[in-house]
Amino acid sequence: MPHLTSTTAGTTSTGLRTTLGIPGFAHPLVAPAQWAELSRPGTPLDWVVLNVAAGPGTRPDPHCLEAAGRLRGAGVRVLGHLDLTHGARAFGDLVADAQRHLDWYRADGFFLDRCPSDRTALPEVRRAVTTLRAISDTAHIVLGHGSHPHPGYADHADQLVTFAGAWSDYRWSQAAEWTADYPPDRFCHFVHSVPRGHLEEALRIARWQGAATIYFTDRTDRRGRADPWETMPGYWDEIVSRIGTGVSE
């Protein structure tokens, strides 16, 4: 299998603990039990994305305020969702949304969804990240590329999502060679349609490819007609147990 030959960082010898990054569940009013589960003590969470309404919404949402407050109380970082629309998003609108996330939900950082990956878009993304750090100097910035971007992006964010897609693609994927120059805690993998019987294999692939923040689910995208990240996987307790106890090390 291709990932077996990867020479990137993040092998089991690193001893780095894998954690969960939550791309964003359905609205807390729709999925209150799932949001409550995230604040359970001992859950190995890196961060949770808060997406109120394709961003922060037009006014503070009481259900999201409660969910974000509960997570912060549990010591979990809450990242405000910002959609870059592959580089088409107006800069002023992006900054305005970021400020609302900070003012209303006290966001600990930002998840820049649909982030461009090519070299030509790098200056504009760098400008956006620089501005976000100017309005929140402690912000944790995650660029949601979904595939390996130009390596220059790694210099301007805390983490990069270098894979977001189906298990059928992930199990044959390879990490870009340049990622070997960075520690595993700089990379995130989101994989949907992962069967329970392949969960351990998926966790091993993440380690072989050098990604310390992951989110795996058995939910599917129904050929592009559904959001596989909206609900918890059927094996949530199992994946929490495996990561929390280091079973897959």
C-alpha atoms as a PDB file:
ATOM      1  CA  MET A   1       0.000   0.000   0.000  1.00  0.00           C
ATOM      2  CA  PRO A   2       1.418   3.467  -0.878  1.00  0.00           C
ATOM      3  CA  HIS A   3       1.253   4.896   2.617  1.00  0.00           C
ATOM      4  CA  LEU A   4       3.475   2.120   3.912  1.00  0.00           C
ATOM      5  CA  THR A   5       6.417   3.595   2.025  1.00  0.00           C
ATOM      6  CA  SER A   6       5.973   7.110   3.343  1.00  0.00           C
ATOM      7  CA  THR A   7       9.074   8.596   4.954  1.00  0.00           C
ATOM      8  CA  THR A   8       7.281  11.542   6.520  1.00  0.00           C
ATOM      9  CA  ALA A   9       7.345  12.499  10.153  1.00  0.00           C
ATOM     10  CA  GLY A  10       4.813  11.174  12.620  1.00  0.00           C
ATOM     11  CA  THR A  11       5.675   7.504  12.881  1.00  0.00           C
ATOM     12  CA  THR A  12       4.827   5.628  16.033  1.00  0.00           C
ATOM     13  CA  SER A  13       8.322   6.295  17.319  1.00  0.00           C
ATOM     14  CA  THR A  14       7.509   9.976  17.843  1.00  0.00           C
ATOM     15  CA  GLY A  15       5.252   9.205  20.770  1.00  0.00           C
ATOM     16  CA  LEU A  16       3.115  12.224  19.853  1.00  0.00           C
ATOM     17  CA  ARG A  17      -0.443  11.873  21.046  1.00  0.00           C
ATOM     18  CA  THR A  18      -3.180  11.921  18.424  1.00  0.00           C
ATOM     19  CA  THR A  19      -6.124  14.229  19.140  1.00  0.00           C
ATOM     20  CA  LEU A  20      -9.501  14.941  17.573  1.00  0.00           C
ATOM     21  CA  GLY A  21     -10.334  18.051  15.580  1.00  0.00           C
ATOM     22  CA  ILE A  22     -14.086  18.461  15.068  1.00  0.00           C
ATOM     23  CA  PRO A  23     -14.887  20.043  11.656  1.00  0.00           C
ATOM     24  CA  GLY A  24     -18.259  21.259  12.943  1.00  0.00           C
ATOM     25  CA  PHE A  25     -21.385  19.402  13.993  1.00  0.00           C
ATOM     26  CA  ALA A  26     -24.922  20.436  13.098  1.00  0.00           C
ATOM     27  CA  HIS A  27     -26.348  23.430  14.999  1.00  0.00           C
ATOM     28  CA  PRO A  28     -26.504  22.804  18.781  1.00  0.00           C
ATOM     29  CA  LEU A  29     -30.297  23.161  18.666  1.00  0.00           C
ATOM     30  CA  VAL A  30     -30.426  20.236  16.225  1.00  0.00           C
ATOM     31  CA  ALA A  31     -27.719  18.127  17.895  1.00  0.00           C
ATOM     32  CA  PRO A  32     -27.615  19.154  21.581  1.00  0.00           C
ATOM     33  CA  ALA A  33     -26.505  15.747  22.893  1.00  0.00           C
ATOM     34  CA  GLN A  34     -23.568  15.629  20.515  1.00  0.00           C
ATOM     35  CA  TRP A  35     -22.338  19.072  21.519  1.00  0.00           C
ATOM     36  CA  ALA A  36     -22.726  18.147  25.178  1.00  0.00           C
ATOM     37  CA  GLU A  37     -20.656  14.989  24.583  1.00  0.00           C
ATOM     38  CA  LEU A  38     -17.723  17.121  23.421  1.00  0.00           C
ATOM     39  CA  SER A  39     -17.302  18.636  26.862  1.00  0.00           C
ATOM     40  CA  ARG A  40     -17.114  15.261  28.602  1.00  0.00           C
ATOM     41  CA  PRO A  41     -13.942  15.142  30.736  1.00  0.00           C
ATOM     42  CA  GLY A  42     -11.085  13.180  29.215  1.00  0.00           C
ATOM     43  CA  THR A  43     -12.185  13.503  25.591  1.00  0.00           C
ATOM     44  CA  PRO A  44      -8.961  13.938  23.545  1.00  0.00           C
ATOM     45  CA  LEU A  45      -9.975  17.109  21.702  1.00  0.00           C
ATOM     46  CA  ASP A  46      -7.625  19.546  20.002  1.00  0.00           C
ATOM     47  CA  TRP A  47     -10.334  21.955  18.884  1.00  0.00           C
ATOM     48  CA  VAL A  48     -13.958  22.237  17.743  1.00  0.00           C
ATOM     49  CA  VAL A  49     -15.171  24.373  14.840  1.00  0.00           C
ATOM     50  CA  LEU A  50     -18.227  26.531  15.542  1.00  0.00           C
ATOM     51  CA  ASN A  51     -20.225  27.203  12.379  1.00  0.00           C
ATOM     52  CA  VAL A  52     -23.380  29.073  13.339  1.00  0.00           C
ATOM     53  CA  ALA A  53     -24.735  29.846   9.866  1.00  0.00           C
ATOM     54  CA  ALA A  54     -22.007  29.586   7.226  1.00  0.00           C
ATOM     55  CA  GLY A  55     -19.954  31.649   9.662  1.00  0.00           C
ATOM     56  CA  PRO A  56     -20.942  33.537  12.837  1.00  0.00           C
ATOM     57  CA  GLY A  57     -24.452  34.418  11.641  1.00  0.00           C
ATOM     58  CA  THR A  58     -26.051  37.858  11.771  1.00  0.00           C
ATOM     59  CA  ARG A  59     -26.649  38.015  15.525  1.00  0.00           C
ATOM     60  CA  PRO A  60     -25.488  36.117  18.620  1.00  0.00           C
ATOM     61  CA  ASP A  61     -27.132  32.696  18.785  1.00  0.00           C
ATOM     62  CA  PRO A  62     -28.020  31.661  22.365  1.00  0.00           C
ATOM     63  CA  HIS A  63     -27.626  27.933  21.657  1.00  0.00           C
ATOM     64  CA  CYS A  64     -24.169  28.473  20.166  1.00  0.00           C
ATOM     65  CA  LEU A  65     -23.206  30.787  23.007  1.00  0.00           C
ATOM     66  CA  GLU A  66     -24.073  28.048  25.479  1.00  0.00           C
ATOM     67  CA  ALA A  67     -22.238  25.352  23.501  1.00  0.00           C
ATOM     68  CA  ALA A  68     -19.106  27.480  23.071  1.00  0.00           C
ATOM     69  CA  GLY A  69     -19.103  28.453  26.738  1.00  0.00           C
ATOM     70  CA  ARG A  70     -19.411  24.834  27.836  1.00  0.00           C
ATOM     71  CA  LEU A  71     -16.452  23.846  25.664  1.00  0.00           C
ATOM     72  CA  ARG A  72     -14.277  26.682  26.903  1.00  0.00           C
ATOM     73  CA  GLY A  73     -15.160  25.702  30.462  1.00  0.00           C
ATOM     74  CA  ALA A  74     -13.890  22.218  29.671  1.00  0.00           C
ATOM     75  CA  GLY A  75     -10.623  23.634  28.340  1.00  0.00           C
ATOM     76  CA  VAL A  76     -11.407  22.975  24.665  1.00  0.00           C
ATOM     77  CA  ARG A  77     -10.466  25.487  21.961  1.00  0.00           C
ATOM     78  CA  VAL A  78     -13.365  26.825  19.908  1.00  0.00           C
ATOM     79  CA  LEU A  79     -12.516  27.930  16.356  1.00  0.00           C
ATOM     80  CA  GLY A  80     -14.785  30.244  14.403  1.00  0.00           C
ATOM     81  CA  HIS A  81     -15.673  29.015  10.921  1.00  0.00           C
ATOM     82  CA  LEU A  82     -14.585  31.328   8.089  1.00  0.00           C
ATOM     83  CA  ASP A  83     -15.304  30.371   4.478  1.00  0.00           C
ATOM     84  CA  LEU A  84     -12.634  31.503   2.012  1.00  0.00           C
ATOM     85  CA  THR A  85     -14.647  30.061  -0.929  1.00  0.00           C
ATOM     86  CA  HIS A  86     -11.422  28.996  -2.645  1.00  0.00           C
ATOM     87  CA  GLY A  87     -10.145  32.572  -2.653  1.00  0.00           C
ATOM     88  CA  ALA A  88     -13.316  34.300  -3.847  1.00  0.00           C
ATOM     89  CA  ARG A  89     -14.365  35.676  -0.455  1.00  0.00           C
ATOM     90  CA  ALA A  90     -14.160  39.457  -0.059  1.00  0.00           C
ATOM     91  CA  PHE A  91     -11.421  40.378   2.418  1.00  0.00           C
ATOM     92  CA  GLY A  92     -13.584  42.854   4.332  1.00  0.00           C
ATOM     93  CA  ASP A  93     -16.397  40.324   4.790  1.00  0.00           C
ATOM     94  CA  LEU A  94     -13.935  37.755   6.071  1.00  0.00           C
ATOM     95  CA  VAL A  95     -12.508  40.108   8.687  1.00  0.00           C
ATOM     96  CA  ALA A  96     -15.995  41.230   9.744  1.00  0.00           C
ATOM     97  CA  ASP A  97     -17.028  37.599  10.322  1.00  0.00           C
ATOM     98  CA  ALA A  98     -13.879  36.973  12.319  1.00  0.00           C
ATOM     99  CA  GLN A  99     -14.604  39.953  14.555  1.00  0.00           C
ATOM    100  CA  ARG A 100     -18.141  38.676  15.196  1.00  0.00           C
ATOM    101  CA  HIS A 101     -16.757  35.282  16.203  1.00  0.00           C
ATOM    102  CA  LEU A 102     -14.495  37.040  18.686  1.00  0.00           C
ATOM    103  CA  ASP A 103     -17.067  39.495  20.036  1.00  0.00           C
ATOM    104  CA  TRP A 104     -19.966  37.054  20.348  1.00  0.00           C
ATOM    105  CA  TYR A 105     -18.429  33.638  20.967  1.00  0.00           C
ATOM    106  CA  ARG A 106     -14.945  34.522  22.267  1.00  0.00           C
ATOM    107  CA  ALA A 107     -13.389  32.294  19.625  1.00  0.00           C
ATOM    108  CA  ASP A 108      -9.930  30.924  20.377  1.00  0.00           C
ATOM    109  CA  GLY A 109      -9.004  30.984  16.716  1.00  0.00           C
ATOM    110  CA  PHE A 110     -10.312  30.360  13.225  1.00  0.00           C
ATOM    111  CA  PHE A 111     -10.873  27.535  10.793  1.00  0.00           C
ATOM    112  CA  LEU A 112     -10.439  28.871   7.245  1.00  0.00           C
ATOM    113  CA  ASP A 113     -12.599  26.502   5.213  1.00  0.00           C
ATOM    114  CA  ARG A 114     -12.207  25.973   1.460  1.00  0.00           C
ATOM    115  CA  CYS A 115      -8.778  27.559   1.624  1.00  0.00           C
ATOM    116  CA  PRO A 116      -6.909  27.828  -1.702  1.00  0.00           C
ATOM    117  CA  SER A 117      -3.913  25.532  -2.146  1.00  0.00           C
ATOM    118  CA  ASP A 118      -2.017  26.990  -5.070  1.00  0.00           C
ATOM    119  CA  ARG A 119       0.995  29.272  -4.892  1.00  0.00           C
ATOM    120  CA  THR A 120      -0.707  32.233  -6.605  1.00  0.00           C
ATOM    121  CA  ALA A 121      -3.283  32.536  -3.804  1.00  0.00           C
ATOM    122  CA  LEU A 122      -0.663  32.433  -1.049  1.00  0.00           C
ATOM    123  CA  PRO A 123      -0.167  36.229  -0.708  1.00  0.00           C
ATOM    124  CA  GLU A 124      -3.902  36.822  -0.159  1.00  0.00           C
ATOM    125  CA  VAL A 125      -4.182  34.014   2.382  1.00  0.00           C
ATOM    126  CA  ARG A 126      -1.076  35.340   4.124  1.00  0.00           C
ATOM    127  CA  ARG A 127      -2.725  38.774   4.278  1.00  0.00           C
ATOM    128  CA  ALA A 128      -5.860  37.251   5.798  1.00  0.00           C
ATOM    129  CA  VAL A 129      -3.934  35.277   8.422  1.00  0.00           C
ATOM    130  CA  THR A 130      -1.792  38.299   9.331  1.00  0.00           C
ATOM    131  CA  THR A 131      -4.935  40.359   9.852  1.00  0.00           C
ATOM    132  CA  LEU A 132      -6.585  37.653  11.958  1.00  0.00           C
ATOM    133  CA  ARG A 133      -3.521  37.534  14.198  1.00  0.00           C
ATOM    134  CA  ALA A 134      -3.611  41.318  14.467  1.00  0.00           C
ATOM    135  CA  ILE A 135      -7.173  41.285  15.857  1.00  0.00           C
ATOM    136  CA  SER A 136      -6.470  38.238  18.042  1.00  0.00           C
ATOM    137  CA  ASP A 137      -2.797  37.715  18.773  1.00  0.00           C
ATOM    138  CA  THR A 138      -3.376  34.336  20.444  1.00  0.00           C
ATOM    139  CA  ALA A 139      -5.583  32.939  17.679  1.00  0.00           C
ATOM    140  CA  HIS A 140      -5.065  29.339  16.611  1.00  0.00           C
ATOM    141  CA  ILE A 141      -5.271  29.298  12.806  1.00  0.00           C
ATOM    142  CA  VAL A 142      -6.187  26.187  10.826  1.00  0.00           C
ATOM    143  CA  LEU A 143      -6.210  26.286   7.022  1.00  0.00           C
ATOM    144  CA  GLY A 144      -8.792  23.897   5.603  1.00  0.00           C
ATOM    145  CA  HIS A 145      -7.259  23.001   2.258  1.00  0.00           C
ATOM    146  CA  GLY A 146      -8.428  19.406   2.189  1.00  0.00           C
ATOM    147  CA  SER A 147      -5.385  18.381   0.154  1.00  0.00           C
ATOM    148  CA  HIS A 148      -1.659  19.100   0.210  1.00  0.00           C
ATOM    149  CA  PRO A 149      -1.118  22.785  -0.591  1.00  0.00           C
ATOM    150  CA  HIS A 150       1.971  24.598  -1.728  1.00  0.00           C
ATOM    151  CA  PRO A 151       4.466  24.240   1.154  1.00  0.00           C
ATOM    152  CA  GLY A 152       4.568  27.999   1.677  1.00  0.00           C
ATOM    153  CA  TYR A 153       1.213  27.850   3.469  1.00  0.00           C
ATOM    154  CA  ALA A 154       2.822  25.985   6.359  1.00  0.00           C
ATOM    155  CA  ASP A 155       4.714  29.137   7.319  1.00  0.00           C
ATOM    156  CA  HIS A 156       1.539  31.104   8.018  1.00  0.00           C
ATOM    157  CA  ALA A 157      -0.767  28.842  10.022  1.00  0.00           C
ATOM    158  CA  ASP A 158      -0.689  26.691  13.125  1.00  0.00           C
ATOM    159  CA  GLN A 159      -2.161  23.709  11.283  1.00  0.00           C
ATOM    160  CA  LEU A 160      -3.094  22.615   7.768  1.00  0.00           C
ATOM    161  CA  VAL A 161      -5.824  20.158   6.783  1.00  0.00           C
ATOM    162  CA  THR A 162      -3.959  18.149   4.165  1.00  0.00           C
ATOM    163  CA  PHE A 163      -6.650  15.535   3.619  1.00  0.00           C
ATOM    164  CA  ALA A 164     -10.447  15.793   3.703  1.00  0.00           C
ATOM    165  CA  GLY A 165     -12.339  13.105   1.852  1.00  0.00           C
ATOM    166  CA  ALA A 166     -13.453   9.505   1.641  1.00  0.00           C
ATOM    167  CA  TRP A 167     -11.836   6.405   3.092  1.00  0.00           C
ATOM    168  CA  SER A 168     -11.644   4.876  -0.389  1.00  0.00           C
ATOM    169  CA  ASP A 169      -9.173   7.636  -1.314  1.00  0.00           C
ATOM    170  CA  TYR A 170      -7.442   7.935   2.045  1.00  0.00           C
ATOM    171  CA  ARG A 171      -6.351   4.333   2.311  1.00  0.00           C
ATOM    172  CA  TRP A 172      -4.256   4.716  -0.871  1.00  0.00           C
ATOM    173  CA  SER A 173      -3.075   8.269  -0.245  1.00  0.00           C
ATOM    174  CA  GLN A 174       0.466   9.529   0.301  1.00  0.00           C
ATOM    175  CA  ALA A 175       1.818  12.505   2.174  1.00  0.00           C
ATOM    176  CA  ALA A 176       3.704  15.173   0.246  1.00  0.00           C
ATOM    177  CA  GLU A 177       7.458  14.907   0.796  1.00  0.00           C
ATOM    178  CA  TRP A 178       7.762  18.452   2.128  1.00  0.00           C
ATOM    179  CA  THR A 179       5.609  17.605   5.168  1.00  0.00           C
ATOM    180  CA  ALA A 180       8.547  15.636   6.586  1.00  0.00           C
ATOM    181  CA  ASP A 181      10.109  18.987   7.510  1.00  0.00           C
ATOM    182  CA  TYR A 182       7.339  19.687  10.043  1.00  0.00           C
ATOM    183  CA  PRO A 183       6.116  17.901  13.186  1.00  0.00           C
ATOM    184  CA  PRO A 184       2.863  15.897  13.053  1.00  0.00           C
ATOM    185  CA  ASP A 185       0.973  18.412  15.185  1.00  0.00           C
ATOM    186  CA  ARG A 186       0.982  20.754  12.184  1.00  0.00           C
ATOM    187  CA  PHE A 187      -1.304  18.518  10.090  1.00  0.00           C
ATOM    188  CA  CYS A 188      -4.933  17.376  10.232  1.00  0.00           C
ATOM    189  CA  HIS A 189      -6.821  14.645   8.373  1.00  0.00           C
ATOM    190  CA  PHE A 190     -10.615  14.415   8.019  1.00  0.00           C
ATOM    191  CA  VAL A 191     -11.869  11.113   6.628  1.00  0.00           C
ATOM    192  CA  HIS A 192     -15.472  10.040   6.118  1.00  0.00           C
ATOM    193  CA  SER A 193     -16.989   6.661   5.185  1.00  0.00           C
ATOM    194  CA  VAL A 194     -14.468   4.784   7.349  1.00  0.00           C
ATOM    195  CA  PRO A 195     -15.913   1.346   8.254  1.00  0.00           C
ATOM    196  CA  ARG A 196     -15.592   0.331  11.893  1.00  0.00           C
ATOM    197  CA  GLY A 197     -13.433  -2.615  10.887  1.00  0.00           C
ATOM    198  CA  HIS A 198     -10.874  -0.277   9.295  1.00  0.00           C
ATOM    199  CA  LEU A 199     -10.665   2.265  12.110  1.00  0.00           C
ATOM    200  CA  GLU A 200      -7.351   0.970  13.448  1.00  0.00           C
ATOM    201  CA  GLU A 201      -5.890   0.988   9.928  1.00  0.00           C
ATOM    202  CA  ALA A 202      -7.028   4.591   9.429  1.00  0.00           C
ATOM    203  CA  LEU A 203      -5.348   5.659  12.667  1.00  0.00           C
ATOM    204  CA  ARG A 204      -2.124   3.983  11.588  1.00  0.00           C
ATOM    205  CA  ILE A 205      -2.208   5.738   8.219  1.00  0.00           C
ATOM    206  CA  ALA A 206      -2.552   9.094   9.986  1.00  0.00           C
ATOM    207  CA  ARG A 207       0.543   8.337  12.041  1.00  0.00           C
ATOM    208  CA  TRP A 208       2.537   7.052   9.091  1.00  0.00           C
ATOM    209  CA  GLN A 209       1.680  10.196   7.155  1.00  0.00           C
ATOM    210  CA  GLY A 210       2.439  12.491  10.073  1.00  0.00           C
ATOM    211  CA  ALA A 211      -0.976  13.908  11.039  1.00  0.00           C
ATOM    212  CA  ALA A 212      -1.605  14.281  14.772  1.00  0.00           C
ATOM    213  CA  THR A 213      -5.086  15.850  14.599  1.00  0.00           C
ATOM    214  CA  ILE A 214      -7.747  13.681  12.989  1.00  0.00           C
ATOM    215  CA  TYR A 215     -11.469  13.185  12.581  1.00  0.00           C
ATOM    216  CA  PHE A 216     -12.707   9.836  11.273  1.00  0.00           C
ATOM    217  CA  THR A 217     -16.364   8.954  10.786  1.00  0.00           C
ATOM    218  CA  ASP A 218     -18.484   6.210   9.306  1.00  0.00           C
ATOM    219  CA  ARG A 219     -20.948   8.831   8.029  1.00  0.00           C
ATOM    220  CA  THR A 220     -20.944   9.292   4.247  1.00  0.00           C
ATOM    221  CA  ASP A 221     -21.430  12.255   1.929  1.00  0.00           C
ATOM    222  CA  ARG A 222     -24.083  10.392  -0.085  1.00  0.00           C
ATOM    223  CA  ARG A 223     -22.222  11.225  -3.267  1.00  0.00           C
ATOM    224  CA  GLY A 224     -22.016  14.898  -2.424  1.00  0.00           C
ATOM    225  CA  ARG A 225     -25.592  15.286  -1.185  1.00  0.00           C
ATOM    226  CA  ALA A 226     -24.845  15.314   2.550  1.00  0.00           C
ATOM    227  CA  ASP A 227     -22.358  16.718   5.044  1.00  0.00           C
ATOM    228  CA  PRO A 228     -20.590  13.714   6.627  1.00  0.00           C
ATOM    229  CA  TRP A 229     -19.184  15.846   9.466  1.00  0.00           C
ATOM    230  CA  GLU A 230     -22.546  16.986  10.885  1.00  0.00           C
ATOM    231  CA  THR A 231     -23.068  14.028  13.223  1.00  0.00           C
ATOM    232  CA  MET A 232     -20.847  11.893  15.418  1.00  0.00           C
ATOM    233  CA  PRO A 233     -19.606   8.579  14.034  1.00  0.00           C
ATOM    234  CA  GLY A 234     -21.371   5.448  15.212  1.00  0.00           C
ATOM    235  CA  TYR A 235     -18.089   4.367  16.830  1.00  0.00           C
ATOM    236  CA  TRP A 236     -17.479   7.637  18.712  1.00  0.00           C
ATOM    237  CA  ASP A 237     -16.852   5.915  22.053  1.00  0.00           C
ATOM    238  CA  GLU A 238     -14.419   3.502  20.430  1.00  0.00           C
ATOM    239  CA  ILE A 239     -12.348   6.157  18.698  1.00  0.00           C
ATOM    240  CA  VAL A 240     -12.252   8.267  21.865  1.00  0.00           C
ATOM    241  CA  SER A 241     -11.064   5.227  23.796  1.00  0.00           C
ATOM    242  CA  ARG A 242      -8.416   4.290  21.226  1.00  0.00           C
ATOM    243  CA  ILE A 243      -6.974   7.791  21.031  1.00  0.00           C
ATOM    244  CA  GLY A 244      -7.328   8.579  24.709  1.00  0.00           C
ATOM    245  CA  THR A 245      -5.552   5.417  25.842  1.00  0.00           C
ATOM    246  CA  GLY A 246      -3.019   5.288  23.024  1.00  0.00           C
ATOM    247  CA  VAL A 247      -4.266   1.884  21.816  1.00  0.00           C
ATOM    248  CA  SER A 248      -3.299   2.680  18.246  1.00  0.00           C
ATOM    249  CA  GLU A 249       0.242   3.741  19.081  1.00  0.00           C
END
